[in-house]
């Protein structure tokens, strides 16, 4: 058995607590922004990379979008599935590594918010693999909306 990376161990038993973290409280506003960027086009198929407990996938599905959520963490995905089920939502949540996605030209848009994999990696090369894989998963002229940590922010605030 291979040893787990720190980011895999971090999220192992974090599903319940994750949803109460301060940085997860902006879901509605974040989804408002995503909808505006996507022109409110409900026909778009969206990939949620590093979906965690599914907060964006669930909110966007409630708004009428078709979303596939991927994450590396089984416990985060189980929490996402439980939350979706409790709201009678059918969402395709899959355990996948963003550095090795199985999709090709399938999605009209991708989101990767709140460090959904990006910037958890140890090297720029690993982050580049995420970018390449998400890009390969997208159709031509698709949008990719993501956030990343600002390393200087903690130093100045």
C-alpha atoms as a PDB file:
ATOM      1  CA  UNK A   1       0.000   0.000   0.000  1.00  0.00           C
ATOM      2  CA  UNK A   2       1.381   3.393  -0.912  1.00  0.00           C
ATOM      3  CA  UNK A   3       1.685   6.059   1.731  1.00  0.00           C
ATOM      4  CA  UNK A   4      -0.950   8.791   1.564  1.00  0.00           C
ATOM      5  CA  UNK A   5       0.081  12.318   0.681  1.00  0.00           C
ATOM      6  CA  UNK A   6      -0.515  15.001   3.320  1.00  0.00           C
ATOM      7  CA  UNK A   7      -3.430  16.451   1.352  1.00  0.00           C
ATOM      8  CA  UNK A   8      -5.119  13.034   1.229  1.00  0.00           C
ATOM      9  CA  UNK A   9      -4.744  12.569   4.998  1.00  0.00           C
ATOM     10  CA  UNK A  10      -5.917  16.122   5.689  1.00  0.00           C
ATOM     11  CA  UNK A  11      -9.341  15.535   4.135  1.00  0.00           C
ATOM     12  CA  UNK A  12      -9.772  11.940   5.362  1.00  0.00           C
ATOM     13  CA  UNK A  13     -12.139  12.716   8.267  1.00  0.00           C
ATOM     14  CA  UNK A  14     -12.897  16.314   7.463  1.00  0.00           C
ATOM     15  CA  UNK A  15     -16.215  16.004   5.608  1.00  0.00           C
ATOM     16  CA  UNK A  16     -18.498  17.104   8.466  1.00  0.00           C
ATOM     17  CA  UNK A  17     -16.298  19.900   9.798  1.00  0.00           C
ATOM     18  CA  UNK A  18     -15.438  21.241   6.333  1.00  0.00           C
ATOM     19  CA  UNK A  19     -18.926  22.632   5.751  1.00  0.00           C
ATOM     20  CA  UNK A  20     -18.699  24.808   8.861  1.00  0.00           C
ATOM     21  CA  UNK A  21     -15.355  26.415   7.952  1.00  0.00           C
ATOM     22  CA  UNK A  22     -15.496  30.172   7.360  1.00  0.00           C
ATOM     23  CA  UNK A  23     -14.161  29.887   3.812  1.00  0.00           C
ATOM     24  CA  UNK A  24     -17.096  27.691   2.789  1.00  0.00           C
ATOM     25  CA  UNK A  25     -19.764  30.241   3.668  1.00  0.00           C
ATOM     26  CA  UNK A  26     -19.749  32.139   0.357  1.00  0.00           C
ATOM     27  CA  UNK A  27     -21.370  29.462  -1.782  1.00  0.00           C
ATOM     28  CA  UNK A  28     -24.393  31.510  -2.890  1.00  0.00           C
ATOM     29  CA  UNK A  29     -22.311  34.509  -3.974  1.00  0.00           C
ATOM     30  CA  UNK A  30     -19.726  32.289  -5.653  1.00  0.00           C
ATOM     31  CA  UNK A  31     -22.444  30.507  -7.628  1.00  0.00           C
ATOM     32  CA  UNK A  32     -24.017  33.861  -8.534  1.00  0.00           C
ATOM     33  CA  UNK A  33     -20.629  34.847 -10.011  1.00  0.00           C
ATOM     34  CA  UNK A  34     -20.289  31.526 -11.873  1.00  0.00           C
ATOM     35  CA  UNK A  35     -23.781  31.865 -13.357  1.00  0.00           C
ATOM     36  CA  UNK A  36     -23.062  35.388 -14.531  1.00  0.00           C
ATOM     37  CA  UNK A  37     -19.773  34.268 -16.121  1.00  0.00           C
ATOM     38  CA  UNK A  38     -21.590  31.422 -17.883  1.00  0.00           C
ATOM     39  CA  UNK A  39     -24.314  33.735 -19.150  1.00  0.00           C
ATOM     40  CA  UNK A  40     -26.993  31.888 -17.153  1.00  0.00           C
ATOM     41  CA  UNK A  41     -26.910  29.152 -19.819  1.00  0.00           C
ATOM     42  CA  UNK A  42     -28.478  26.146 -18.067  1.00  0.00           C
ATOM     43  CA  UNK A  43     -27.625  23.842 -20.969  1.00  0.00           C
ATOM     44  CA  UNK A  44     -23.933  23.924 -20.063  1.00  0.00           C
ATOM     45  CA  UNK A  45     -22.320  20.815 -18.614  1.00  0.00           C
ATOM     46  CA  UNK A  46     -20.021  21.786 -15.710  1.00  0.00           C
ATOM     47  CA  UNK A  47     -17.051  19.948 -14.172  1.00  0.00           C
ATOM     48  CA  UNK A  48     -16.435  20.784 -10.499  1.00  0.00           C
ATOM     49  CA  UNK A  49     -12.774  19.952  -9.833  1.00  0.00           C
ATOM     50  CA  UNK A  50     -11.937  19.264  -6.208  1.00  0.00           C
ATOM     51  CA  UNK A  51     -15.632  19.448  -5.365  1.00  0.00           C
ATOM     52  CA  UNK A  52     -15.083  18.547  -1.720  1.00  0.00           C
ATOM     53  CA  UNK A  53     -18.428  18.171   0.026  1.00  0.00           C
ATOM     54  CA  UNK A  54     -20.227  19.308  -3.117  1.00  0.00           C
ATOM     55  CA  UNK A  55     -21.296  22.781  -2.075  1.00  0.00           C
ATOM     56  CA  UNK A  56     -20.918  24.316  -5.569  1.00  0.00           C
ATOM     57  CA  UNK A  57     -22.104  21.185  -7.381  1.00  0.00           C
ATOM     58  CA  UNK A  58     -25.222  21.057  -5.229  1.00  0.00           C
ATOM     59  CA  UNK A  59     -26.037  24.767  -5.505  1.00  0.00           C
ATOM     60  CA  UNK A  60     -25.513  24.814  -9.275  1.00  0.00           C
ATOM     61  CA  UNK A  61     -27.613  21.658  -9.699  1.00  0.00           C
ATOM     62  CA  UNK A  62     -30.406  23.307  -7.687  1.00  0.00           C
ATOM     63  CA  UNK A  63     -30.181  26.198 -10.159  1.00  0.00           C
ATOM     64  CA  UNK A  64     -30.689  23.830 -13.097  1.00  0.00           C
ATOM     65  CA  UNK A  65     -27.161  23.021 -14.286  1.00  0.00           C
ATOM     66  CA  UNK A  66     -25.754  19.582 -15.061  1.00  0.00           C
ATOM     67  CA  UNK A  67     -22.677  19.113 -12.843  1.00  0.00           C
ATOM     68  CA  UNK A  68     -20.093  16.376 -12.406  1.00  0.00           C
ATOM     69  CA  UNK A  69     -18.040  16.692  -9.237  1.00  0.00           C
ATOM     70  CA  UNK A  70     -14.644  15.061  -8.838  1.00  0.00           C
ATOM     71  CA  UNK A  71     -12.474  14.830  -5.749  1.00  0.00           C
ATOM     72  CA  UNK A  72      -9.619  12.687  -4.473  1.00  0.00           C
ATOM     73  CA  UNK A  73     -11.073  12.279  -0.968  1.00  0.00           C
ATOM     74  CA  UNK A  74     -13.569   9.447  -0.370  1.00  0.00           C
ATOM     75  CA  UNK A  75     -14.854  11.067   2.847  1.00  0.00           C
ATOM     76  CA  UNK A  76     -15.474  14.418   1.154  1.00  0.00           C
ATOM     77  CA  UNK A  77     -17.293  12.667  -1.697  1.00  0.00           C
ATOM     78  CA  UNK A  78     -19.416  10.634   0.720  1.00  0.00           C
ATOM     79  CA  UNK A  79     -20.459  13.843   2.468  1.00  0.00           C
ATOM     80  CA  UNK A  80     -21.295  15.372  -0.946  1.00  0.00           C
ATOM     81  CA  UNK A  81     -23.386  12.337  -1.911  1.00  0.00           C
ATOM     82  CA  UNK A  82     -25.214  12.390   1.432  1.00  0.00           C
ATOM     83  CA  UNK A  83     -25.992  16.102   1.109  1.00  0.00           C
ATOM     84  CA  UNK A  84     -27.215  15.706  -2.490  1.00  0.00           C
ATOM     85  CA  UNK A  85     -29.375  12.717  -1.534  1.00  0.00           C
ATOM     86  CA  UNK A  86     -30.941  14.653   1.362  1.00  0.00           C
ATOM     87  CA  UNK A  87     -32.028  17.286  -1.176  1.00  0.00           C
ATOM     88  CA  UNK A  88     -33.187  14.678  -3.745  1.00  0.00           C
ATOM     89  CA  UNK A  89     -30.545  15.805  -6.247  1.00  0.00           C
ATOM     90  CA  UNK A  90     -28.899  13.488  -8.767  1.00  0.00           C
ATOM     91  CA  UNK A  91     -25.258  14.542  -9.115  1.00  0.00           C
ATOM     92  CA  UNK A  92     -22.445  12.482 -10.582  1.00  0.00           C
ATOM     93  CA  UNK A  93     -19.736  12.563  -7.889  1.00  0.00           C
ATOM     94  CA  UNK A  94     -16.611  10.629  -8.854  1.00  0.00           C
ATOM     95  CA  UNK A  95     -13.360   9.855  -7.069  1.00  0.00           C
ATOM     96  CA  UNK A  96     -10.682  11.049  -9.471  1.00  0.00           C
ATOM     97  CA  UNK A  97      -7.277  12.666  -9.291  1.00  0.00           C
ATOM     98  CA  UNK A  98      -7.308  16.011 -11.124  1.00  0.00           C
ATOM     99  CA  UNK A  99      -3.807  15.225 -12.411  1.00  0.00           C
ATOM    100  CA  UNK A 100      -5.165  12.206 -14.297  1.00  0.00           C
ATOM    101  CA  UNK A 101      -8.759  12.828 -15.366  1.00  0.00           C
ATOM    102  CA  UNK A 102     -10.653  10.406 -17.583  1.00  0.00           C
ATOM    103  CA  UNK A 103     -12.573  13.046 -19.560  1.00  0.00           C
ATOM    104  CA  UNK A 104     -11.899  14.392 -23.062  1.00  0.00           C
ATOM    105  CA  UNK A 105     -13.835  17.312 -24.597  1.00  0.00           C
ATOM    106  CA  UNK A 106     -16.875  16.598 -22.410  1.00  0.00           C
ATOM    107  CA  UNK A 107     -17.578  19.808 -20.496  1.00  0.00           C
ATOM    108  CA  UNK A 108     -18.664  23.326 -21.415  1.00  0.00           C
ATOM    109  CA  UNK A 109     -17.154  24.789 -18.253  1.00  0.00           C
ATOM    110  CA  UNK A 110     -14.996  23.809 -15.299  1.00  0.00           C
ATOM    111  CA  UNK A 111     -14.748  25.312 -11.855  1.00  0.00           C
ATOM    112  CA  UNK A 112     -12.013  24.740  -9.285  1.00  0.00           C
ATOM    113  CA  UNK A 113     -12.721  26.915  -6.277  1.00  0.00           C
ATOM    114  CA  UNK A 114     -11.329  27.238  -2.757  1.00  0.00           C
ATOM    115  CA  UNK A 115      -8.158  25.368  -3.602  1.00  0.00           C
ATOM    116  CA  UNK A 116     -10.031  22.464  -5.152  1.00  0.00           C
ATOM    117  CA  UNK A 117      -6.791  20.614  -5.770  1.00  0.00           C
ATOM    118  CA  UNK A 118      -4.859  23.501  -7.262  1.00  0.00           C
ATOM    119  CA  UNK A 119      -2.150  24.799  -4.930  1.00  0.00           C
ATOM    120  CA  UNK A 120      -2.427  21.723  -2.679  1.00  0.00           C
ATOM    121  CA  UNK A 121       0.195  20.088  -4.856  1.00  0.00           C
ATOM    122  CA  UNK A 122       3.869  20.151  -3.915  1.00  0.00           C
ATOM    123  CA  UNK A 123       5.237  21.233  -7.268  1.00  0.00           C
ATOM    124  CA  UNK A 124       4.408  23.519 -10.167  1.00  0.00           C
ATOM    125  CA  UNK A 125       4.619  20.446 -12.396  1.00  0.00           C
ATOM    126  CA  UNK A 126       1.774  18.793 -10.467  1.00  0.00           C
ATOM    127  CA  UNK A 127      -0.313  21.953 -10.754  1.00  0.00           C
ATOM    128  CA  UNK A 128       0.460  22.057 -14.480  1.00  0.00           C
ATOM    129  CA  UNK A 129      -0.837  18.464 -14.766  1.00  0.00           C
ATOM    130  CA  UNK A 130      -4.117  19.615 -13.208  1.00  0.00           C
ATOM    131  CA  UNK A 131      -4.376  22.493 -15.686  1.00  0.00           C
ATOM    132  CA  UNK A 132      -3.602  20.197 -18.642  1.00  0.00           C
ATOM    133  CA  UNK A 133      -6.127  17.566 -17.537  1.00  0.00           C
ATOM    134  CA  UNK A 134      -8.924  20.045 -16.909  1.00  0.00           C
ATOM    135  CA  UNK A 135      -8.225  21.717 -20.264  1.00  0.00           C
ATOM    136  CA  UNK A 136      -8.384  18.328 -22.017  1.00  0.00           C
ATOM    137  CA  UNK A 137     -11.740  17.694 -20.304  1.00  0.00           C
ATOM    138  CA  UNK A 138     -13.220  20.868 -21.781  1.00  0.00           C
ATOM    139  CA  UNK A 139     -14.786  21.476 -25.161  1.00  0.00           C
ATOM    140  CA  UNK A 140     -13.330  24.169 -27.437  1.00  0.00           C
ATOM    141  CA  UNK A 141     -14.005  27.725 -26.198  1.00  0.00           C
ATOM    142  CA  UNK A 142     -15.104  26.483 -22.769  1.00  0.00           C
ATOM    143  CA  UNK A 143     -14.583  28.524 -19.606  1.00  0.00           C
ATOM    144  CA  UNK A 144     -12.371  27.465 -16.710  1.00  0.00           C
ATOM    145  CA  UNK A 145     -12.988  29.431 -13.514  1.00  0.00           C
ATOM    146  CA  UNK A 146     -10.611  28.802 -10.638  1.00  0.00           C
ATOM    147  CA  UNK A 147      -9.159  30.381  -7.549  1.00  0.00           C
ATOM    148  CA  UNK A 148      -5.708  29.976  -6.098  1.00  0.00           C
ATOM    149  CA  UNK A 149      -3.961  31.061  -2.947  1.00  0.00           C
ATOM    150  CA  UNK A 150      -2.188  34.392  -2.849  1.00  0.00           C
ATOM    151  CA  UNK A 151       1.071  33.603  -1.034  1.00  0.00           C
ATOM    152  CA  UNK A 152       1.676  37.271  -0.236  1.00  0.00           C
ATOM    153  CA  UNK A 153      -1.721  37.899   1.388  1.00  0.00           C
ATOM    154  CA  UNK A 154      -0.831  36.372   4.800  1.00  0.00           C
ATOM    155  CA  UNK A 155       2.399  38.356   4.872  1.00  0.00           C
ATOM    156  CA  UNK A 156       0.624  41.677   4.427  1.00  0.00           C
ATOM    157  CA  UNK A 157      -2.495  40.992   6.515  1.00  0.00           C
END
